[in-house]
Amino acid sequence: MKVTLPQTAIEVLKGILNENEDKPKNIRVYFAGFGCSGAFFAVALDEKKDTDLEYETNGLKFIMDKAEYEEYGDITIDDTGHGFLISVENMPKGGCSCDGGCTGCDN
């Protein structure tokens, strides 16, 4: 398992950990479903489970369910200034795009 992220995302995640001292220190990356523009992933502070893989970089510990990692592959986390953009090596197909007739999209 490998997680790639720029310095800005590292700093934001460390800030989140510092603000949540009473929460677990593992950053879980997980498949969160499909939206209008396709698959999306999320992060949450969580305890490591027996079925998780772990990757540590720059003082941050990331965890992901082994089955999800085997399906989606390595992870990239970018800081957008308004949250995180999380992409995976094997992005799942699904959802729709604005040209696919998804409600709420203006063509």
PDB file of N, CA and C in Angstrom:
ATOM      1  N   MET A   1       0.854  -1.179   0.000  1.00  0.00           N
ATOM      2  CA  MET A   1       0.000   0.000   0.000  1.00  0.00           C
ATOM      3  C   MET A   1       0.891   1.229   0.000  1.00  0.00           C
ATOM      4  N   LYS A   2       0.540   2.197  -0.842  1.00  0.00           N
ATOM      5  CA  LYS A   2       1.294   3.444  -0.905  1.00  0.00           C
ATOM      6  C   LYS A   2       0.314   4.611  -0.991  1.00  0.00           C
ATOM      7  N   VAL A   3       0.612   5.676  -0.248  1.00  0.00           N
ATOM      8  CA  VAL A   3      -0.182   6.901  -0.278  1.00  0.00           C
ATOM      9  C   VAL A   3       0.752   8.041  -0.674  1.00  0.00           C
ATOM     10  N   THR A   4       0.380   8.769  -1.712  1.00  0.00           N
ATOM     11  CA  THR A   4       1.157   9.906  -2.181  1.00  0.00           C
ATOM     12  C   THR A   4       0.373  11.178  -1.888  1.00  0.00           C
ATOM     13  N   LEU A   5       1.049  12.176  -1.312  1.00  0.00           N
ATOM     14  CA  LEU A   5       0.368  13.434  -1.030  1.00  0.00           C
ATOM     15  C   LEU A   5       1.378  14.571  -0.967  1.00  0.00           C
ATOM     16  N   PRO A   6       0.961  15.777  -1.397  1.00  0.00           N
ATOM     17  CA  PRO A   6       1.852  16.930  -1.348  1.00  0.00           C
ATOM     18  C   PRO A   6       1.974  17.474   0.073  1.00  0.00           C
ATOM     19  N   GLN A   7       2.946  18.341   0.266  1.00  0.00           N
ATOM     20  CA  GLN A   7       3.204  18.917   1.587  1.00  0.00           C
ATOM     21  C   GLN A   7       1.980  19.628   2.154  1.00  0.00           C
ATOM     22  N   THR A   8       1.201  20.300   1.301  1.00  0.00           N
ATOM     23  CA  THR A   8       0.013  21.009   1.808  1.00  0.00           C
ATOM     24  C   THR A   8      -0.984  20.038   2.431  1.00  0.00           C
ATOM     25  N   ALA A   9      -1.189  18.881   1.805  1.00  0.00           N
ATOM     26  CA  ALA A   9      -2.113  17.887   2.361  1.00  0.00           C
ATOM     27  C   ALA A   9      -1.561  17.302   3.657  1.00  0.00           C
ATOM     28  N   ILE A  10      -0.250  17.104   3.725  1.00  0.00           N
ATOM     29  CA  ILE A  10       0.379  16.603   4.952  1.00  0.00           C
ATOM     30  C   ILE A  10       0.111  17.575   6.099  1.00  0.00           C
ATOM     31  N   GLU A  11       0.310  18.860   5.848  1.00  0.00           N
ATOM     32  CA  GLU A  11       0.106  19.871   6.892  1.00  0.00           C
ATOM     33  C   GLU A  11      -1.353  19.937   7.342  1.00  0.00           C
ATOM     34  N   VAL A  12      -2.288  19.861   6.398  1.00  0.00           N
ATOM     35  CA  VAL A  12      -3.710  19.901   6.754  1.00  0.00           C
ATOM     36  C   VAL A  12      -4.085  18.678   7.584  1.00  0.00           C
ATOM     37  N   LEU A  13      -3.630  17.498   7.176  1.00  0.00           N
ATOM     38  CA  LEU A  13      -3.951  16.278   7.924  1.00  0.00           C
ATOM     39  C   LEU A  13      -3.338  16.304   9.323  1.00  0.00           C
ATOM     40  N   LYS A  14      -2.116  16.791   9.451  1.00  0.00           N
ATOM     41  CA  LYS A  14      -1.505  16.903  10.781  1.00  0.00           C
ATOM     42  C   LYS A  14      -2.294  17.879  11.650  1.00  0.00           C
ATOM     43  N   GLY A  15      -2.796  18.952  11.055  1.00  0.00           N
ATOM     44  CA  GLY A  15      -3.634  19.896  11.793  1.00  0.00           C
ATOM     45  C   GLY A  15      -4.919  19.251  12.278  1.00  0.00           C
ATOM     46  N   ILE A  16      -5.530  18.436  11.435  1.00  0.00           N
ATOM     47  CA  ILE A  16      -6.754  17.720  11.825  1.00  0.00           C
ATOM     48  C   ILE A  16      -6.468  16.773  12.982  1.00  0.00           C
ATOM     49  N   LEU A  17      -5.350  16.062  12.918  1.00  0.00           N
ATOM     50  CA  LEU A  17      -4.985  15.155  14.017  1.00  0.00           C
ATOM     51  C   LEU A  17      -4.767  15.928  15.314  1.00  0.00           C
ATOM     52  N   ASN A  18      -4.101  17.076  15.235  1.00  0.00           N
ATOM     53  CA  ASN A  18      -3.853  17.890  16.431  1.00  0.00           C
ATOM     54  C   ASN A  18      -5.143  18.432  17.030  1.00  0.00           C
ATOM     55  N   GLU A  19      -6.108  18.774  16.179  1.00  0.00           N
ATOM     56  CA  GLU A  19      -7.397  19.298  16.650  1.00  0.00           C
ATOM     57  C   GLU A  19      -8.291  18.212  17.245  1.00  0.00           C
ATOM     58  N   ASN A  20      -7.974  16.963  16.956  1.00  0.00           N
ATOM     59  CA  ASN A  20      -8.801  15.833  17.399  1.00  0.00           C
ATOM     60  C   ASN A  20      -7.976  14.862  18.239  1.00  0.00           C
ATOM     61  N   GLU A  21      -7.350  15.389  19.286  1.00  0.00           N
ATOM     62  CA  GLU A  21      -6.449  14.588  20.112  1.00  0.00           C
ATOM     63  C   GLU A  21      -7.127  13.381  20.747  1.00  0.00           C
ATOM     64  N   ASP A  22      -8.444  13.450  20.954  1.00  0.00           N
ATOM     65  CA  ASP A  22      -9.167  12.352  21.595  1.00  0.00           C
ATOM     66  C   ASP A  22      -9.597  11.271  20.603  1.00  0.00           C
ATOM     67  N   LYS A  23      -9.318  11.458  19.316  1.00  0.00           N
ATOM     68  CA  LYS A  23      -9.712  10.504  18.268  1.00  0.00           C
ATOM     69  C   LYS A  23      -8.532   9.604  17.916  1.00  0.00           C
ATOM     70  N   PRO A  24      -8.809   8.483  17.229  1.00  0.00           N
ATOM     71  CA  PRO A  24      -7.714   7.622  16.763  1.00  0.00           C
ATOM     72  C   PRO A  24      -6.773   8.398  15.837  1.00  0.00           C
ATOM     73  N   LYS A  25      -5.531   7.976  15.775  1.00  0.00           N
ATOM     74  CA  LYS A  25      -4.520   8.679  14.982  1.00  0.00           C
ATOM     75  C   LYS A  25      -4.307   8.060  13.607  1.00  0.00           C
ATOM     76  N   ASN A  26      -5.084   7.030  13.263  1.00  0.00           N
ATOM     77  CA  ASN A  26      -4.997   6.416  11.943  1.00  0.00           C
ATOM     78  C   ASN A  26      -5.946   7.133  10.993  1.00  0.00           C
ATOM     79  N   ILE A  27      -5.486   7.374   9.776  1.00  0.00           N
ATOM     80  CA  ILE A  27      -6.321   8.011   8.761  1.00  0.00           C
ATOM     81  C   ILE A  27      -6.810   6.916   7.817  1.00  0.00           C
ATOM     82  N   ARG A  28      -8.097   6.603   7.915  1.00  0.00           N
ATOM     83  CA  ARG A  28      -8.681   5.567   7.061  1.00  0.00           C
ATOM     84  C   ARG A  28      -9.064   6.179   5.720  1.00  0.00           C
ATOM     85  N   VAL A  29      -8.647   5.514   4.639  1.00  0.00           N
ATOM     86  CA  VAL A  29      -9.075   5.871   3.292  1.00  0.00           C
ATOM     87  C   VAL A  29     -10.074   4.802   2.876  1.00  0.00           C
ATOM     88  N   TYR A  30     -11.253   5.237   2.393  1.00  0.00           N
ATOM     89  CA  TYR A  30     -12.276   4.246   2.044  1.00  0.00           C
ATOM     90  C   TYR A  30     -13.124   4.702   0.863  1.00  0.00           C
ATOM     91  N   PHE A  31     -13.667   3.708   0.154  1.00  0.00           N
ATOM     92  CA  PHE A  31     -14.593   3.959  -0.946  1.00  0.00           C
ATOM     93  C   PHE A  31     -15.896   4.431  -0.332  1.00  0.00           C
ATOM     94  N   ALA A  32     -16.369   5.618  -0.745  1.00  0.00           N
ATOM     95  CA  ALA A  32     -17.551   6.215  -0.127  1.00  0.00           C
ATOM     96  C   ALA A  32     -18.780   6.196  -1.026  1.00  0.00           C
ATOM     97  N   GLY A  33     -18.662   5.653  -2.225  1.00  0.00           N
ATOM     98  CA  GLY A  33     -19.822   5.540  -3.095  1.00  0.00           C
ATOM     99  C   GLY A  33     -19.621   6.223  -4.431  1.00  0.00           C
ATOM    100  N   PHE A  34     -20.738   6.352  -5.157  1.00  0.00           N
ATOM    101  CA  PHE A  34     -20.722   6.992  -6.470  1.00  0.00           C
ATOM    102  C   PHE A  34     -21.516   8.281  -6.411  1.00  0.00           C
ATOM    103  N   GLY A  35     -21.026   9.286  -7.087  1.00  0.00           N
ATOM    104  CA  GLY A  35     -21.729  10.557  -7.189  1.00  0.00           C
ATOM    105  C   GLY A  35     -21.940  10.909  -8.644  1.00  0.00           C
ATOM    106  N   CYS A  36     -22.326  12.114  -8.888  1.00  0.00           N
ATOM    107  CA  CYS A  36     -22.620  12.579 -10.243  1.00  0.00           C
ATOM    108  C   CYS A  36     -21.400  12.464 -11.160  1.00  0.00           C
ATOM    109  N   SER A  37     -20.211  12.655 -10.613  1.00  0.00           N
ATOM    110  CA  SER A  37     -19.011  12.597 -11.448  1.00  0.00           C
ATOM    111  C   SER A  37     -18.249  11.286 -11.295  1.00  0.00           C
ATOM    112  N   GLY A  38     -18.882  10.265 -10.729  1.00  0.00           N
ATOM    113  CA  GLY A  38     -18.247   8.957 -10.621  1.00  0.00           C
ATOM    114  C   GLY A  38     -17.958   8.575  -9.183  1.00  0.00           C
ATOM    115  N   ALA A  39     -17.003   7.663  -9.028  1.00  0.00           N
ATOM    116  CA  ALA A  39     -16.653   7.138  -7.709  1.00  0.00           C
ATOM    117  C   ALA A  39     -15.979   8.209  -6.865  1.00  0.00           C
ATOM    118  N   PHE A  40     -16.205   8.139  -5.553  1.00  0.00           N
ATOM    119  CA  PHE A  40     -15.468   9.030  -4.674  1.00  0.00           C
ATOM    120  C   PHE A  40     -15.024   8.286  -3.426  1.00  0.00           C
ATOM    121  N   PHE A  41     -13.918   8.774  -2.885  1.00  0.00           N
ATOM    122  CA  PHE A  41     -13.287   8.192  -1.713  1.00  0.00           C
ATOM    123  C   PHE A  41     -13.246   9.247  -0.627  1.00  0.00           C
ATOM    124  N   ALA A  42     -13.125   8.806   0.613  1.00  0.00           N
ATOM    125  CA  ALA A  42     -13.108   9.725   1.745  1.00  0.00           C
ATOM    126  C   ALA A  42     -12.058   9.270   2.750  1.00  0.00           C
ATOM    127  N   VAL A  43     -11.802  10.132   3.736  1.00  0.00           N
ATOM    128  CA  VAL A  43     -10.897   9.805   4.834  1.00  0.00           C
ATOM    129  C   VAL A  43     -11.620  10.048   6.149  1.00  0.00           C
ATOM    130  N   ALA A  44     -11.218   9.288   7.161  1.00  0.00           N
ATOM    131  CA  ALA A  44     -11.775   9.437   8.507  1.00  0.00           C
ATOM    132  C   ALA A  44     -10.735   8.952   9.501  1.00  0.00           C
ATOM    133  N   LEU A  45     -10.779   9.479  10.713  1.00  0.00           N
ATOM    134  CA  LEU A  45      -9.914   8.989  11.784  1.00  0.00           C
ATOM    135  C   LEU A  45     -10.557   7.729  12.339  1.00  0.00           C
ATOM    136  N   ASP A  46      -9.770   6.656  12.450  1.00  0.00           N
ATOM    137  CA  ASP A  46     -10.355   5.367  12.814  1.00  0.00           C
ATOM    138  C   ASP A  46      -9.305   4.463  13.444  1.00  0.00           C
ATOM    139  N   GLU A  47      -9.793   3.441  14.133  1.00  0.00           N
ATOM    140  CA  GLU A  47      -8.925   2.403  14.698  1.00  0.00           C
ATOM    141  C   GLU A  47      -8.557   1.401  13.605  1.00  0.00           C
ATOM    142  N   LYS A  48      -7.351   0.865  13.680  1.00  0.00           N
ATOM    143  CA  LYS A  48      -6.910  -0.165  12.739  1.00  0.00           C
ATOM    144  C   LYS A  48      -7.613  -1.474  13.071  1.00  0.00           C
ATOM    145  N   LYS A  49      -8.068  -2.163  12.021  1.00  0.00           N
ATOM    146  CA  LYS A  49      -8.724  -3.459  12.166  1.00  0.00           C
ATOM    147  C   LYS A  49      -7.806  -4.558  11.644  1.00  0.00           C
ATOM    148  N   ASP A  50      -8.118  -5.793  11.988  1.00  0.00           N
ATOM    149  CA  ASP A  50      -7.307  -6.928  11.543  1.00  0.00           C
ATOM    150  C   ASP A  50      -7.254  -7.050  10.025  1.00  0.00           C
ATOM    151  N   THR A  51      -8.272  -6.562   9.336  1.00  0.00           N
ATOM    152  CA  THR A  51      -8.342  -6.677   7.876  1.00  0.00           C
ATOM    153  C   THR A  51      -7.715  -5.485   7.157  1.00  0.00           C
ATOM    154  N   ASP A  52      -7.063  -4.584   7.891  1.00  0.00           N
ATOM    155  CA  ASP A  52      -6.494  -3.373   7.296  1.00  0.00           C
ATOM    156  C   ASP A  52      -5.023  -3.530   6.934  1.00  0.00           C
ATOM    157  N   LEU A  53      -4.637  -2.818   5.889  1.00  0.00           N
ATOM    158  CA  LEU A  53      -3.233  -2.599   5.577  1.00  0.00           C
ATOM    159  C   LEU A  53      -2.871  -1.231   6.138  1.00  0.00           C
ATOM    160  N   GLU A  54      -1.587  -1.017   6.388  1.00  0.00           N
ATOM    161  CA  GLU A  54      -1.132   0.249   6.970  1.00  0.00           C
ATOM    162  C   GLU A  54       0.035   0.791   6.159  1.00  0.00           C
ATOM    163  N   TYR A  55       0.066   2.110   5.996  1.00  0.00           N
ATOM    164  CA  TYR A  55       1.167   2.782   5.314  1.00  0.00           C
ATOM    165  C   TYR A  55       1.486   4.050   6.091  1.00  0.00           C
ATOM    166  N   GLU A  56       2.760   4.228   6.410  1.00  0.00           N
ATOM    167  CA  GLU A  56       3.167   5.410   7.169  1.00  0.00           C
ATOM    168  C   GLU A  56       4.101   6.265   6.324  1.00  0.00           C
ATOM    169  N   THR A  57       3.826   7.561   6.298  1.00  0.00           N
ATOM    170  CA  THR A  57       4.671   8.506   5.582  1.00  0.00           C
ATOM    171  C   THR A  57       4.577   9.868   6.260  1.00  0.00           C
ATOM    172  N   ASN A  58       5.692  10.534   6.383  1.00  0.00           N
ATOM    173  CA  ASN A  58       5.734  11.890   6.954  1.00  0.00           C
ATOM    174  C   ASN A  58       5.032  11.993   8.298  1.00  0.00           C
ATOM    175  N   GLY A  59       5.138  10.958   9.126  1.00  0.00           N
ATOM    176  CA  GLY A  59       4.523  10.975  10.448  1.00  0.00           C
ATOM    177  C   GLY A  59       3.026  10.731  10.450  1.00  0.00           C
ATOM    178  N   LEU A  60       2.453  10.354   9.308  1.00  0.00           N
ATOM    179  CA  LEU A  60       1.022  10.055   9.210  1.00  0.00           C
ATOM    180  C   LEU A  60       0.830   8.566   8.952  1.00  0.00           C
ATOM    181  N   LYS A  61      -0.143   7.971   9.650  1.00  0.00           N
ATOM    182  CA  LYS A  61      -0.465   6.557   9.448  1.00  0.00           C
ATOM    183  C   LYS A  61      -1.786   6.443   8.706  1.00  0.00           C
ATOM    184  N   PHE A  62      -1.736   5.824   7.528  1.00  0.00           N
ATOM    185  CA  PHE A  62      -2.927   5.591   6.728  1.00  0.00           C
ATOM    186  C   PHE A  62      -3.308   4.121   6.822  1.00  0.00           C
ATOM    187  N   ILE A  63      -4.601   3.855   6.854  1.00  0.00           N
ATOM    188  CA  ILE A  63      -5.095   2.487   6.859  1.00  0.00           C
ATOM    189  C   ILE A  63      -6.163   2.356   5.775  1.00  0.00           C
ATOM    190  N   MET A  64      -6.275   1.139   5.248  1.00  0.00           N
ATOM    191  CA  MET A  64      -7.301   0.844   4.249  1.00  0.00           C
ATOM    192  C   MET A  64      -7.588  -0.642   4.327  1.00  0.00           C
ATOM    193  N   ASP A  65      -8.845  -0.989   4.180  1.00  0.00           N
ATOM    194  CA  ASP A  65      -9.226  -2.389   4.171  1.00  0.00           C
ATOM    195  C   ASP A  65      -8.465  -3.104   3.053  1.00  0.00           C
ATOM    196  N   LYS A  66      -7.905  -4.268   3.366  1.00  0.00           N
ATOM    197  CA  LYS A  66      -7.084  -5.001   2.405  1.00  0.00           C
ATOM    198  C   LYS A  66      -7.849  -5.303   1.119  1.00  0.00           C
ATOM    199  N   ALA A  67      -9.110  -5.711   1.233  1.00  0.00           N
ATOM    200  CA  ALA A  67      -9.909  -6.029   0.040  1.00  0.00           C
ATOM    201  C   ALA A  67     -10.119  -4.784  -0.825  1.00  0.00           C
ATOM    202  N   GLU A  68     -10.360  -3.626  -0.200  1.00  0.00           N
ATOM    203  CA  GLU A  68     -10.516  -2.387  -0.969  1.00  0.00           C
ATOM    204  C   GLU A  68      -9.206  -2.011  -1.646  1.00  0.00           C
ATOM    205  N   TYR A  69      -8.088  -2.174  -0.933  1.00  0.00           N
ATOM    206  CA  TYR A  69      -6.798  -1.853  -1.541  1.00  0.00           C
ATOM    207  C   TYR A  69      -6.528  -2.761  -2.735  1.00  0.00           C
ATOM    208  N   GLU A  70      -6.811  -4.055  -2.595  1.00  0.00           N
ATOM    209  CA  GLU A  70      -6.574  -4.981  -3.704  1.00  0.00           C
ATOM    210  C   GLU A  70      -7.414  -4.615  -4.920  1.00  0.00           C
ATOM    211  N   GLU A  71      -8.590  -4.053  -4.699  1.00  0.00           N
ATOM    212  CA  GLU A  71      -9.453  -3.644  -5.806  1.00  0.00           C
ATOM    213  C   GLU A  71      -9.038  -2.305  -6.407  1.00  0.00           C
ATOM    214  N   TYR A  72      -8.668  -1.325  -5.570  1.00  0.00           N
ATOM    215  CA  TYR A  72      -8.451   0.041  -6.046  1.00  0.00           C
ATOM    216  C   TYR A  72      -6.990   0.448  -6.181  1.00  0.00           C
ATOM    217  N   GLY A  73      -6.073  -0.164  -5.446  1.00  0.00           N
ATOM    218  CA  GLY A  73      -4.654   0.137  -5.577  1.00  0.00           C
ATOM    219  C   GLY A  73      -4.196   1.345  -4.777  1.00  0.00           C
ATOM    220  N   ASP A  74      -3.026   1.852  -5.162  1.00  0.00           N
ATOM    221  CA  ASP A  74      -2.392   2.958  -4.442  1.00  0.00           C
ATOM    222  C   ASP A  74      -3.235   4.231  -4.497  1.00  0.00           C
ATOM    223  N   ILE A  75      -2.981   5.110  -3.539  1.00  0.00           N
ATOM    224  CA  ILE A  75      -3.842   6.261  -3.282  1.00  0.00           C
ATOM    225  C   ILE A  75      -3.059   7.560  -3.443  1.00  0.00           C
ATOM    226  N   THR A  76      -3.716   8.576  -3.990  1.00  0.00           N
ATOM    227  CA  THR A  76      -3.174   9.934  -4.035  1.00  0.00           C
ATOM    228  C   THR A  76      -4.179  10.857  -3.360  1.00  0.00           C
ATOM    229  N   ILE A  77      -3.693  11.670  -2.425  1.00  0.00           N
ATOM    230  CA  ILE A  77      -4.553  12.615  -1.708  1.00  0.00           C
ATOM    231  C   ILE A  77      -4.025  14.019  -1.964  1.00  0.00           C
ATOM    232  N   ASP A  78      -4.860  14.861  -2.565  1.00  0.00           N
ATOM    233  CA  ASP A  78      -4.495  16.257  -2.823  1.00  0.00           C
ATOM    234  C   ASP A  78      -5.360  17.170  -1.968  1.00  0.00           C
ATOM    235  N   ASP A  79      -4.773  18.267  -1.506  1.00  0.00           N
ATOM    236  CA  ASP A  79      -5.521  19.283  -0.762  1.00  0.00           C
ATOM    237  C   ASP A  79      -6.030  20.314  -1.759  1.00  0.00           C
ATOM    238  N   THR A  80      -7.339  20.531  -1.793  1.00  0.00           N
ATOM    239  CA  THR A  80      -7.928  21.488  -2.736  1.00  0.00           C
ATOM    240  C   THR A  80      -8.101  22.873  -2.119  1.00  0.00           C
ATOM    241  N   GLY A  81      -7.847  22.994  -0.825  1.00  0.00           N
ATOM    242  CA  GLY A  81      -8.127  24.237  -0.121  1.00  0.00           C
ATOM    243  C   GLY A  81      -9.525  24.247   0.469  1.00  0.00           C
ATOM    244  N   HIS A  82     -10.363  23.319   0.013  1.00  0.00           N
ATOM    245  CA  HIS A  82     -11.743  23.190   0.502  1.00  0.00           C
ATOM    246  C   HIS A  82     -12.035  21.748   0.897  1.00  0.00           C
ATOM    247  N   GLY A  83     -11.004  20.944   1.044  1.00  0.00           N
ATOM    248  CA  GLY A  83     -11.163  19.517   1.339  1.00  0.00           C
ATOM    249  C   GLY A  83     -10.091  18.742   0.595  1.00  0.00           C
ATOM    250  N   PHE A  84     -10.333  17.466   0.436  1.00  0.00           N
ATOM    251  CA  PHE A  84      -9.356  16.605  -0.217  1.00  0.00           C
ATOM    252  C   PHE A  84      -9.920  16.018  -1.496  1.00  0.00           C
ATOM    253  N   LEU A  85      -9.059  15.867  -2.483  1.00  0.00           N
ATOM    254  CA  LEU A  85      -9.375  15.146  -3.701  1.00  0.00           C
ATOM    255  C   LEU A  85      -8.591  13.848  -3.617  1.00  0.00           C
ATOM    256  N   ILE A  86      -9.300  12.743  -3.517  1.00  0.00           N
ATOM    257  CA  ILE A  86      -8.670  11.440  -3.334  1.00  0.00           C
ATOM    258  C   ILE A  86      -8.868  10.628  -4.600  1.00  0.00           C
ATOM    259  N   SER A  87      -7.775  10.154  -5.162  1.00  0.00           N
ATOM    260  CA  SER A  87      -7.860   9.302  -6.341  1.00  0.00           C
ATOM    261  C   SER A  87      -7.095   8.015  -6.072  1.00  0.00           C
ATOM    262  N   VAL A  88      -7.467   6.983  -6.811  1.00  0.00           N
ATOM    263  CA  VAL A  88      -6.843   5.678  -6.640  1.00  0.00           C
ATOM    264  C   VAL A  88      -6.316   5.194  -7.982  1.00  0.00           C
ATOM    265  N   GLU A  89      -5.401   4.258  -7.905  1.00  0.00           N
ATOM    266  CA  GLU A  89      -4.751   3.710  -9.085  1.00  0.00           C
ATOM    267  C   GLU A  89      -5.760   3.081 -10.055  1.00  0.00           C
ATOM    268  N   ASN A  90      -6.718   2.340  -9.532  1.00  0.00           N
ATOM    269  CA  ASN A  90      -7.726   1.654 -10.346  1.00  0.00           C
ATOM    270  C   ASN A  90      -9.092   2.263 -10.054  1.00  0.00           C
ATOM    271  N   MET A  91      -9.349   3.445 -10.609  1.00  0.00           N
ATOM    272  CA  MET A  91     -10.602   4.150 -10.337  1.00  0.00           C
ATOM    273  C   MET A  91     -11.778   3.336 -10.873  1.00  0.00           C
ATOM    274  N   PRO A  92     -12.757   3.040 -10.013  1.00  0.00           N
ATOM    275  CA  PRO A  92     -13.911   2.253 -10.464  1.00  0.00           C
ATOM    276  C   PRO A  92     -14.784   3.044 -11.431  1.00  0.00           C
ATOM    277  N   LYS A  93     -15.413   2.315 -12.336  1.00  0.00           N
ATOM    278  CA  LYS A  93     -16.359   2.919 -13.274  1.00  0.00           C
ATOM    279  C   LYS A  93     -17.710   3.012 -12.585  1.00  0.00           C
ATOM    280  N   GLY A  94     -18.496   3.982 -12.971  1.00  0.00           N
ATOM    281  CA  GLY A  94     -19.828   4.101 -12.403  1.00  0.00           C
ATOM    282  C   GLY A  94     -20.217   5.541 -12.243  1.00  0.00           C
ATOM    283  N   GLY A  95     -21.405   5.762 -11.709  1.00  0.00           N
ATOM    284  CA  GLY A  95     -21.916   7.118 -11.577  1.00  0.00           C
ATOM    285  C   GLY A  95     -22.277   7.638 -12.948  1.00  0.00           C
ATOM    286  N   CYS A  96     -22.301   8.918 -13.085  1.00  0.00           N
ATOM    287  CA  CYS A  96     -22.558   9.529 -14.385  1.00  0.00           C
ATOM    288  C   CYS A  96     -21.844  10.861 -14.419  1.00  0.00           C
ATOM    289  N   SER A  97     -21.795  11.445 -15.570  1.00  0.00           N
ATOM    290  CA  SER A  97     -21.223  12.784 -15.680  1.00  0.00           C
ATOM    291  C   SER A  97     -22.324  13.727 -16.116  1.00  0.00           C
ATOM    292  N   CYS A  98     -22.032  14.989 -16.119  1.00  0.00           N
ATOM    293  CA  CYS A  98     -23.077  15.963 -16.458  1.00  0.00           C
ATOM    294  C   CYS A  98     -23.638  15.744 -17.854  1.00  0.00           C
ATOM    295  N   ASP A  99     -22.849  15.184 -18.760  1.00  0.00           N
ATOM    296  CA  ASP A  99     -23.403  14.905 -20.078  1.00  0.00           C
ATOM    297  C   ASP A  99     -24.136  13.571 -20.112  1.00  0.00           C
ATOM    298  N   GLY A 100     -24.195  12.887 -18.957  1.00  0.00           N
ATOM    299  CA  GLY A 100     -24.882  11.605 -18.885  1.00  0.00           C
ATOM    300  C   GLY A 100     -26.294  11.712 -18.349  1.00  0.00           C
ATOM    301  N   GLY A 101     -26.795  12.917 -18.154  1.00  0.00           N
ATOM    302  CA  GLY A 101     -28.174  13.084 -17.734  1.00  0.00           C
ATOM    303  C   GLY A 101     -28.403  13.003 -16.240  1.00  0.00           C
ATOM    304  N   CYS A 102     -27.370  13.190 -15.456  1.00  0.00           N
ATOM    305  CA  CYS A 102     -27.511  13.144 -14.002  1.00  0.00           C
ATOM    306  C   CYS A 102     -28.340  14.347 -13.544  1.00  0.00           C
ATOM    307  N   THR A 103     -29.277  14.139 -12.638  1.00  0.00           N
ATOM    308  CA  THR A 103     -30.073  15.262 -12.161  1.00  0.00           C
ATOM    309  C   THR A 103     -29.194  16.224 -11.388  1.00  0.00           C
ATOM    310  N   GLY A 104     -29.481  17.472 -11.484  1.00  0.00           N
ATOM    311  CA  GLY A 104     -28.690  18.482 -10.784  1.00  0.00           C
ATOM    312  C   GLY A 104     -27.558  19.038 -11.616  1.00  0.00           C
ATOM    313  N   CYS A 105     -27.323  18.459 -12.796  1.00  0.00           N
ATOM    314  CA  CYS A 105     -26.276  18.968 -13.676  1.00  0.00           C
ATOM    315  C   CYS A 105     -26.921  19.838 -14.743  1.00  0.00           C
ATOM    316  N   ASP A 106     -26.323  20.960 -14.991  1.00  0.00           N
ATOM    317  CA  ASP A 106     -26.827  21.851 -16.043  1.00  0.00           C
ATOM    318  C   ASP A 106     -26.043  21.608 -17.312  1.00  0.00           C
ATOM    319  N   ASN A 107     -26.723  21.255 -18.381  1.00  0.00           N
ATOM    320  CA  ASN A 107     -26.044  21.030 -19.670  1.00  0.00           C
ATOM    321  C   ASN A 107     -26.070  22.292 -20.482  1.00  0.00           C
TER     322      ASN A 107
END
